[in-house]
Amino acid sequence: MKPPKEQARTLLVLALTLVVAGAADAQQFVKKPSSYSSVVEEDFATVMKRMKAAKSGIEKRQADLLKQRYDLFDHPALGVTMSRGKAV
């Protein structure tokens, strides 16, 4: 076993090494700009006005996508009926 003074010196050197290594490692983590946008960029009235102006265009675009992807019309499937003959 080492004498108490030598143990204390070893612990002090180890602690200083960890502190220096931690400080060097912390310098690598420079705060980067966030990918999230700021929460408050415009006042509410401006945002509301801009979104109301864009609403009709967005609704038309979404309706066109629905029409393109799905047949939303009420056409009965040919040759398919329910138990009493009602078209499906």
Protein backbone atom coordinates (compact mmCIF):
# COMPACT_ATOMS: atom_id res chain seq x y z
CA MET A 1 0.00 0.00 0.00
CA LYS A 2 1.14 3.55 -0.76
CA PRO A 3 1.76 6.07 2.01
CA PRO A 4 -1.13 8.55 2.63
CA LYS A 5 0.78 11.51 1.13
CA GLU A 6 1.45 9.61 -2.09
CA GLN A 7 -2.20 8.49 -2.29
CA ALA A 8 -3.36 12.09 -1.83
CA ARG A 9 -0.93 13.27 -4.52
CA THR A 10 -2.13 10.55 -6.92
CA LEU A 11 -5.77 11.48 -6.30
CA LEU A 12 -4.99 15.17 -6.80
CA VAL A 13 -3.23 14.46 -10.12
CA LEU A 14 -6.13 12.26 -11.23
CA ALA A 15 -8.69 14.92 -10.28
CA LEU A 16 -6.77 17.66 -12.09
CA THR A 17 -6.44 15.45 -15.16
CA LEU A 18 -10.20 14.87 -15.20
CA VAL A 19 -10.93 18.59 -14.77
CA VAL A 20 -8.58 19.55 -17.62
CA ALA A 21 -9.95 16.80 -19.88
CA GLY A 22 -13.53 17.87 -19.07
CA ALA A 23 -12.79 21.52 -19.83
CA ALA A 24 -11.15 20.61 -23.14
CA ASP A 25 -14.09 18.39 -24.04
CA ALA A 26 -16.63 21.09 -23.09
CA GLN A 27 -15.03 23.52 -25.54
CA GLN A 28 -15.95 21.17 -28.38
CA PHE A 29 -19.65 21.63 -27.64
CA VAL A 30 -20.13 25.12 -28.96
CA LYS A 31 -23.84 25.95 -29.17
CA LYS A 32 -25.02 25.56 -32.75
CA PRO A 33 -27.91 27.54 -34.19
CA SER A 34 -31.22 25.74 -33.62
CA SER A 35 -33.08 24.12 -36.48
CA TYR A 36 -36.35 25.16 -34.84
CA SER A 37 -37.82 28.46 -35.85
CA SER A 38 -38.41 31.13 -33.29
CA VAL A 39 -41.75 30.93 -31.54
CA VAL A 40 -42.60 34.61 -31.94
CA GLU A 41 -41.70 35.87 -35.40
CA GLU A 42 -44.86 37.81 -36.27
CA ASP A 43 -47.73 39.17 -34.28
CA PHE A 44 -50.97 37.19 -34.29
CA ALA A 45 -52.92 39.57 -36.55
CA THR A 46 -50.27 39.34 -39.28
CA VAL A 47 -50.17 35.54 -39.11
CA MET A 48 -53.97 35.33 -39.20
CA LYS A 49 -54.19 37.63 -42.22
CA ARG A 50 -51.50 35.67 -44.11
CA MET A 51 -53.11 32.31 -43.33
CA LYS A 52 -56.61 33.46 -44.30
CA ALA A 53 -55.24 34.66 -47.65
CA ALA A 54 -53.57 31.28 -48.28
CA LYS A 55 -56.52 29.15 -47.12
CA SER A 56 -58.42 28.89 -50.42
CA GLY A 57 -55.30 27.88 -52.34
CA ILE A 58 -54.43 25.21 -49.80
CA GLU A 59 -57.99 23.83 -49.79
CA LYS A 60 -57.99 23.64 -53.61
CA ARG A 61 -54.62 21.88 -53.65
CA GLN A 62 -55.77 19.32 -51.08
CA ALA A 63 -59.09 18.71 -52.89
CA ASP A 64 -57.18 18.11 -56.13
CA LEU A 65 -54.93 15.61 -54.35
CA LEU A 66 -57.98 13.76 -53.00
CA LYS A 67 -59.56 13.62 -56.47
CA GLN A 68 -56.30 12.39 -57.97
CA ARG A 69 -55.73 9.65 -55.40
CA TYR A 70 -59.24 8.44 -54.59
CA ASP A 71 -62.53 7.83 -56.38
CA LEU A 72 -64.93 9.55 -54.00
CA PHE A 73 -68.01 9.11 -56.19
CA ASP A 74 -70.86 6.79 -55.22
CA HIS A 75 -70.51 4.17 -57.97
CA PRO A 76 -71.74 0.68 -57.10
CA ALA A 77 -69.20 -2.11 -57.61
CA LEU A 78 -70.19 -4.21 -60.62
CA GLY A 79 -71.31 -7.74 -59.80
CA VAL A 80 -71.13 -7.23 -56.03
CA THR A 81 -74.31 -7.13 -53.93
CA MET A 82 -75.35 -7.44 -50.32
CA SER A 83 -77.39 -10.39 -49.05
CA ARG A 84 -80.71 -9.03 -50.39
CA GLY A 85 -79.33 -7.77 -53.69
CA LYS A 86 -78.50 -4.18 -52.76
CA ALA A 87 -75.47 -2.88 -54.67
CA VAL A 88 -72.25 -2.36 -52.73
